[in-house]
Amino acid sequence: METIAKGLLSSDVRIRLLKKILNMSERNLRVRELAREVGVSAGFVSKYMGKLKESGIIESGEVSLVNPKVRVLKIFLNINEIIDKDVVGIIRDYIKGVKGIGIYGSWADGTNVEGSDLDIWVLVGGEAPASVNSANAAAEIEKKINVETSLYLLTDVELEKLRKSESPFYYSLFNSFVLCGEKIA
């Protein structure tokens, strides 16, 4: 993975192009379209796509979300963007009493594509804060990341109710990616 990362993540332009390519999963990749959208030459895109093919990320002209290399790269890029845009800081600015923050759904498991929303859980102590606070936090995150964002506020009491009544959803939160603080227990 170190060799892959060195060649694929060595500049901002390459990272932007990689994000674009990975978000076009299950679609036929077109060099000129990618070049235009990212603002680089078709030759650059073609060469970069050659490296992705050598690395096993592009197969048969497509990116497959079944490929573990693709999913690992997507998760890395997703978490990197969340950190770069200070999502945890935004949530803490708007919501008091935060005990833990994590992501679940497609951004957490590397299956997000263009148009996927970002699902974030926030574990809070005591009573859940006013919903206006979470709405404002979600709106600010959406502006920074340019992705629809859902914040799910949880108290210990609500978490216990979920555990008893909605086991599949509870376990999706239990197996989520923790960004800071306590995990779902």
C-alpha atoms as a PDB file:
ATOM      1  CA  MET A   1       0.000   0.000   0.000  1.00  0.00           C
ATOM      2  CA  GLU A   2       2.925   2.353   0.664  1.00  0.00           C
ATOM      3  CA  THR A   3       3.991   2.241  -3.015  1.00  0.00           C
ATOM      4  CA  ILE A   4       0.394   2.751  -4.131  1.00  0.00           C
ATOM      5  CA  ALA A   5      -0.050   5.705  -1.783  1.00  0.00           C
ATOM      6  CA  LYS A   6       3.220   7.331  -2.863  1.00  0.00           C
ATOM      7  CA  GLY A   7       2.247   7.518  -6.520  1.00  0.00           C
ATOM      8  CA  LEU A   8      -1.475   8.144  -6.115  1.00  0.00           C
ATOM      9  CA  LEU A   9      -1.538  10.616  -3.244  1.00  0.00           C
ATOM     10  CA  SER A  10       1.595  12.652  -3.930  1.00  0.00           C
ATOM     11  CA  SER A  11      -0.126  15.941  -4.861  1.00  0.00           C
ATOM     12  CA  ASP A  12      -3.378  17.821  -4.355  1.00  0.00           C
ATOM     13  CA  VAL A  13      -4.231  17.421  -8.047  1.00  0.00           C
ATOM     14  CA  ARG A  14      -3.764  13.641  -7.860  1.00  0.00           C
ATOM     15  CA  ILE A  15      -5.907  13.443  -4.723  1.00  0.00           C
ATOM     16  CA  ARG A  16      -8.666  15.523  -6.385  1.00  0.00           C
ATOM     17  CA  LEU A  17      -8.526  13.273  -9.451  1.00  0.00           C
ATOM     18  CA  LEU A  18      -8.553  10.115  -7.319  1.00  0.00           C
ATOM     19  CA  LYS A  19     -11.615  11.341  -5.392  1.00  0.00           C
ATOM     20  CA  LYS A  20     -13.403  12.055  -8.652  1.00  0.00           C
ATOM     21  CA  ILE A  21     -12.530   8.638 -10.098  1.00  0.00           C
ATOM     22  CA  LEU A  22     -13.503   6.759  -6.932  1.00  0.00           C
ATOM     23  CA  ASN A  23     -16.843   8.585  -6.774  1.00  0.00           C
ATOM     24  CA  MET A  24     -17.601   7.468 -10.334  1.00  0.00           C
ATOM     25  CA  SER A  25     -17.649   3.819  -9.319  1.00  0.00           C
ATOM     26  CA  GLU A  26     -19.491   1.319 -11.497  1.00  0.00           C
ATOM     27  CA  ARG A  27     -19.381   3.822 -14.403  1.00  0.00           C
ATOM     28  CA  ASN A  28     -17.151   3.707 -17.443  1.00  0.00           C
ATOM     29  CA  LEU A  29     -14.351   6.219 -16.898  1.00  0.00           C
ATOM     30  CA  ARG A  30     -13.739   8.726 -19.680  1.00  0.00           C
ATOM     31  CA  VAL A  31     -10.373  10.478 -19.796  1.00  0.00           C
ATOM     32  CA  ARG A  32     -11.529  13.738 -21.433  1.00  0.00           C
ATOM     33  CA  GLU A  33     -14.528  14.078 -19.110  1.00  0.00           C
ATOM     34  CA  LEU A  34     -12.327  13.579 -16.035  1.00  0.00           C
ATOM     35  CA  ALA A  35      -9.695  16.004 -17.351  1.00  0.00           C
ATOM     36  CA  ARG A  36     -12.312  18.699 -17.921  1.00  0.00           C
ATOM     37  CA  GLU A  37     -13.963  18.215 -14.518  1.00  0.00           C
ATOM     38  CA  VAL A  38     -10.699  18.220 -12.560  1.00  0.00           C
ATOM     39  CA  GLY A  39      -9.005  20.895 -14.693  1.00  0.00           C
ATOM     40  CA  VAL A  40      -5.969  18.938 -15.880  1.00  0.00           C
ATOM     41  CA  SER A  41      -4.733  17.644 -19.229  1.00  0.00           C
ATOM     42  CA  ALA A  42      -6.105  14.456 -20.762  1.00  0.00           C
ATOM     43  CA  GLY A  43      -2.520  13.135 -20.880  1.00  0.00           C
ATOM     44  CA  PHE A  44      -2.159  13.577 -17.120  1.00  0.00           C
ATOM     45  CA  VAL A  45      -5.445  11.736 -16.514  1.00  0.00           C
ATOM     46  CA  SER A  46      -4.485   8.936 -18.890  1.00  0.00           C
ATOM     47  CA  LYS A  47      -1.116   8.423 -17.175  1.00  0.00           C
ATOM     48  CA  TYR A  48      -2.717   8.508 -13.729  1.00  0.00           C
ATOM     49  CA  MET A  49      -5.383   6.006 -14.765  1.00  0.00           C
ATOM     50  CA  GLY A  50      -2.556   3.742 -15.957  1.00  0.00           C
ATOM     51  CA  LYS A  51      -1.139   3.809 -12.412  1.00  0.00           C
ATOM     52  CA  LEU A  52      -4.576   2.990 -11.023  1.00  0.00           C
ATOM     53  CA  LYS A  53      -4.836   0.009 -13.396  1.00  0.00           C
ATOM     54  CA  GLU A  54      -1.352  -1.213 -12.370  1.00  0.00           C
ATOM     55  CA  SER A  55      -2.405  -0.912  -8.723  1.00  0.00           C
ATOM     56  CA  GLY A  56      -5.565  -2.947  -9.304  1.00  0.00           C
ATOM     57  CA  ILE A  57      -7.888  -0.062  -8.490  1.00  0.00           C
ATOM     58  CA  ILE A  58      -9.315   0.262 -12.001  1.00  0.00           C
ATOM     59  CA  GLU A  59     -10.390  -3.025 -13.543  1.00  0.00           C
ATOM     60  CA  SER A  60     -11.966  -3.294 -17.011  1.00  0.00           C
ATOM     61  CA  GLY A  61     -12.184   0.498 -17.238  1.00  0.00           C
ATOM     62  CA  GLU A  62     -14.255   0.802 -14.047  1.00  0.00           C
ATOM     63  CA  VAL A  63     -13.866   1.260 -10.308  1.00  0.00           C
ATOM     64  CA  SER A  64     -15.716  -1.403  -8.314  1.00  0.00           C
ATOM     65  CA  LEU A  65     -16.889  -0.860  -4.749  1.00  0.00           C
ATOM     66  CA  VAL A  66     -16.412  -4.594  -4.196  1.00  0.00           C
ATOM     67  CA  ASN A  67     -12.640  -4.127  -4.579  1.00  0.00           C
ATOM     68  CA  PRO A  68     -11.112  -3.842  -1.065  1.00  0.00           C
ATOM     69  CA  LYS A  69      -8.343  -1.514  -2.327  1.00  0.00           C
ATOM     70  CA  VAL A  70     -11.003   0.896  -3.604  1.00  0.00           C
ATOM     71  CA  ARG A  71     -12.921   0.819  -0.339  1.00  0.00           C
ATOM     72  CA  VAL A  72      -9.803   1.359   1.783  1.00  0.00           C
ATOM     73  CA  LEU A  73      -8.803   4.363  -0.344  1.00  0.00           C
ATOM     74  CA  LYS A  74     -12.328   5.777  -0.168  1.00  0.00           C
ATOM     75  CA  ILE A  75     -12.478   5.411   3.616  1.00  0.00           C
ATOM     76  CA  PHE A  76      -9.055   7.067   3.936  1.00  0.00           C
ATOM     77  CA  LEU A  77     -10.094   9.977   1.688  1.00  0.00           C
ATOM     78  CA  ASN A  78     -13.447  10.329   3.481  1.00  0.00           C
ATOM     79  CA  ILE A  79     -11.845  10.495   6.929  1.00  0.00           C
ATOM     80  CA  ASN A  80      -9.135  12.810   5.629  1.00  0.00           C
ATOM     81  CA  GLU A  81     -11.769  15.224   4.309  1.00  0.00           C
ATOM     82  CA  ILE A  82     -13.711  15.099   7.580  1.00  0.00           C
ATOM     83  CA  ILE A  83     -10.513  15.933   9.482  1.00  0.00           C
ATOM     84  CA  ASP A  84      -9.419  18.647   7.016  1.00  0.00           C
ATOM     85  CA  LYS A  85     -12.806  20.376   7.226  1.00  0.00           C
ATOM     86  CA  ASP A  86     -12.825  20.153  11.062  1.00  0.00           C
ATOM     87  CA  VAL A  87     -16.202  18.420  11.234  1.00  0.00           C
ATOM     88  CA  VAL A  88     -15.621  17.400  14.862  1.00  0.00           C
ATOM     89  CA  GLY A  89     -14.855  21.028  15.783  1.00  0.00           C
ATOM     90  CA  ILE A  90     -18.010  22.254  14.047  1.00  0.00           C
ATOM     91  CA  ILE A  91     -20.147  19.747  15.936  1.00  0.00           C
ATOM     92  CA  ARG A  92     -18.535  20.658  19.267  1.00  0.00           C
ATOM     93  CA  ASP A  93     -19.119  24.383  18.566  1.00  0.00           C
ATOM     94  CA  TYR A  94     -22.868  23.853  18.108  1.00  0.00           C
ATOM     95  CA  ILE A  95     -23.620  20.934  20.407  1.00  0.00           C
ATOM     96  CA  LYS A  96     -22.625  20.929  24.064  1.00  0.00           C
ATOM     97  CA  GLY A  97     -21.998  17.813  26.148  1.00  0.00           C
ATOM     98  CA  VAL A  98     -20.569  15.727  23.302  1.00  0.00           C
ATOM     99  CA  LYS A  99     -19.277  12.361  24.549  1.00  0.00           C
ATOM    100  CA  GLY A 100     -18.512  10.810  21.165  1.00  0.00           C
ATOM    101  CA  ILE A 101     -18.815  11.393  17.415  1.00  0.00           C
ATOM    102  CA  GLY A 102     -18.710   8.878  14.583  1.00  0.00           C
ATOM    103  CA  ILE A 103     -19.792   8.207  11.036  1.00  0.00           C
ATOM    104  CA  TYR A 104     -21.876   5.334   9.747  1.00  0.00           C
ATOM    105  CA  GLY A 105     -23.303   4.348   6.386  1.00  0.00           C
ATOM    106  CA  SER A 106     -21.596   4.688   3.028  1.00  0.00           C
ATOM    107  CA  TRP A 107     -18.919   7.209   4.122  1.00  0.00           C
ATOM    108  CA  ALA A 108     -17.824   4.844   6.907  1.00  0.00           C
ATOM    109  CA  ASP A 109     -17.653   1.708   4.774  1.00  0.00           C
ATOM    110  CA  GLY A 110     -16.225   3.223   1.592  1.00  0.00           C
ATOM    111  CA  THR A 111     -19.276   2.740  -0.623  1.00  0.00           C
ATOM    112  CA  ASN A 112     -20.209   6.402  -1.032  1.00  0.00           C
ATOM    113  CA  VAL A 113     -20.586   7.818  -4.535  1.00  0.00           C
ATOM    114  CA  GLU A 114     -21.476  11.286  -5.845  1.00  0.00           C
ATOM    115  CA  GLY A 115     -24.733  12.241  -4.183  1.00  0.00           C
ATOM    116  CA  SER A 116     -24.251  10.049  -1.085  1.00  0.00           C
ATOM    117  CA  ASP A 117     -25.033  11.774   2.186  1.00  0.00           C
ATOM    118  CA  LEU A 118     -22.745  11.886   5.203  1.00  0.00           C
ATOM    119  CA  ASP A 119     -24.315  10.188   8.246  1.00  0.00           C
ATOM    120  CA  ILE A 120     -22.901  11.280  11.601  1.00  0.00           C
ATOM    121  CA  TRP A 121     -23.907  10.123  15.068  1.00  0.00           C
ATOM    122  CA  VAL A 122     -23.289  12.321  18.090  1.00  0.00           C
ATOM    123  CA  LEU A 123     -23.428  10.796  21.570  1.00  0.00           C
ATOM    124  CA  VAL A 124     -24.327  13.451  24.154  1.00  0.00           C
ATOM    125  CA  GLY A 125     -24.523  13.399  27.930  1.00  0.00           C
ATOM    126  CA  GLY A 126     -27.789  14.219  29.656  1.00  0.00           C
ATOM    127  CA  GLU A 127     -30.671  15.398  27.502  1.00  0.00           C
ATOM    128  CA  ALA A 128     -30.407  15.875  23.750  1.00  0.00           C
ATOM    129  CA  PRO A 129     -29.703  19.519  22.830  1.00  0.00           C
ATOM    130  CA  ALA A 130     -32.150  21.596  20.829  1.00  0.00           C
ATOM    131  CA  SER A 131     -32.622  20.300  17.300  1.00  0.00           C
ATOM    132  CA  VAL A 132     -31.834  23.776  15.948  1.00  0.00           C
ATOM    133  CA  ASN A 133     -28.244  23.319  17.138  1.00  0.00           C
ATOM    134  CA  SER A 134     -27.844  20.069  15.229  1.00  0.00           C
ATOM    135  CA  ALA A 135     -29.511  21.583  12.148  1.00  0.00           C
ATOM    136  CA  ASN A 136     -27.073  24.511  12.215  1.00  0.00           C
ATOM    137  CA  ALA A 137     -24.111  22.164  12.660  1.00  0.00           C
ATOM    138  CA  ALA A 138     -25.298  19.995   9.754  1.00  0.00           C
ATOM    139  CA  ALA A 139     -25.765  23.084   7.562  1.00  0.00           C
ATOM    140  CA  GLU A 140     -22.236  24.313   8.277  1.00  0.00           C
ATOM    141  CA  ILE A 141     -20.766  20.855   7.566  1.00  0.00           C
ATOM    142  CA  GLU A 142     -22.724  20.710   4.290  1.00  0.00           C
ATOM    143  CA  LYS A 143     -21.243  24.063   3.248  1.00  0.00           C
ATOM    144  CA  LYS A 144     -17.692  22.926   4.024  1.00  0.00           C
ATOM    145  CA  ILE A 145     -17.852  19.434   2.498  1.00  0.00           C
ATOM    146  CA  ASN A 146     -20.532  20.089  -0.129  1.00  0.00           C
ATOM    147  CA  VAL A 147     -22.411  16.920   0.846  1.00  0.00           C
ATOM    148  CA  GLU A 148     -25.843  16.534   2.401  1.00  0.00           C
ATOM    149  CA  THR A 149     -25.263  15.755   6.074  1.00  0.00           C
ATOM    150  CA  SER A 150     -27.464  14.036   8.647  1.00  0.00           C
ATOM    151  CA  LEU A 151     -26.667  14.359  12.341  1.00  0.00           C
ATOM    152  CA  TYR A 152     -28.192  11.746  14.623  1.00  0.00           C
ATOM    153  CA  LEU A 153     -28.117  12.873  18.263  1.00  0.00           C
ATOM    154  CA  LEU A 154     -28.099  10.075  20.824  1.00  0.00           C
ATOM    155  CA  THR A 155     -28.361  10.042  24.579  1.00  0.00           C
ATOM    156  CA  ASP A 156     -27.607   6.955  26.655  1.00  0.00           C
ATOM    157  CA  VAL A 157     -31.357   6.451  27.172  1.00  0.00           C
ATOM    158  CA  GLU A 158     -32.102   6.673  23.417  1.00  0.00           C
ATOM    159  CA  LEU A 159     -29.211   4.339  22.693  1.00  0.00           C
ATOM    160  CA  GLU A 160     -30.640   1.737  25.069  1.00  0.00           C
ATOM    161  CA  LYS A 161     -34.063   2.026  23.390  1.00  0.00           C
ATOM    162  CA  LEU A 162     -32.409   1.534  19.987  1.00  0.00           C
ATOM    163  CA  ARG A 163     -30.545  -1.522  21.234  1.00  0.00           C
ATOM    164  CA  LYS A 164     -33.833  -3.131  22.287  1.00  0.00           C
ATOM    165  CA  SER A 165     -36.126  -2.062  19.451  1.00  0.00           C
ATOM    166  CA  GLU A 166     -34.012  -1.520  16.318  1.00  0.00           C
ATOM    167  CA  SER A 167     -31.200  -4.028  16.526  1.00  0.00           C
ATOM    168  CA  PRO A 168     -29.997  -3.818  12.889  1.00  0.00           C
ATOM    169  CA  PHE A 169     -29.715  -0.012  13.022  1.00  0.00           C
ATOM    170  CA  TYR A 170     -28.154  -0.126  16.487  1.00  0.00           C
ATOM    171  CA  TYR A 171     -25.487  -2.550  15.252  1.00  0.00           C
ATOM    172  CA  SER A 172     -24.753  -0.341  12.241  1.00  0.00           C
ATOM    173  CA  LEU A 173     -23.950   2.409  14.762  1.00  0.00           C
ATOM    174  CA  PHE A 174     -22.068  -0.036  16.994  1.00  0.00           C
ATOM    175  CA  ASN A 175     -19.830  -0.995  14.033  1.00  0.00           C
ATOM    176  CA  SER A 176     -19.349   2.569  12.811  1.00  0.00           C
ATOM    177  CA  PHE A 177     -16.160   4.625  12.522  1.00  0.00           C
ATOM    178  CA  VAL A 178     -15.498   6.658  15.694  1.00  0.00           C
ATOM    179  CA  LEU A 179     -14.044  10.123  15.005  1.00  0.00           C
ATOM    180  CA  CYS A 180     -13.551  11.091  18.649  1.00  0.00           C
ATOM    181  CA  GLY A 181     -14.556  10.232  22.185  1.00  0.00           C
ATOM    182  CA  GLU A 182     -16.670   7.294  23.247  1.00  0.00           C
ATOM    183  CA  LYS A 183     -17.845   4.616  20.880  1.00  0.00           C
ATOM    184  CA  ILE A 184     -21.363   3.249  20.777  1.00  0.00           C
ATOM    185  CA  ALA A 185     -21.572   0.528  23.422  1.00  0.00           C
END
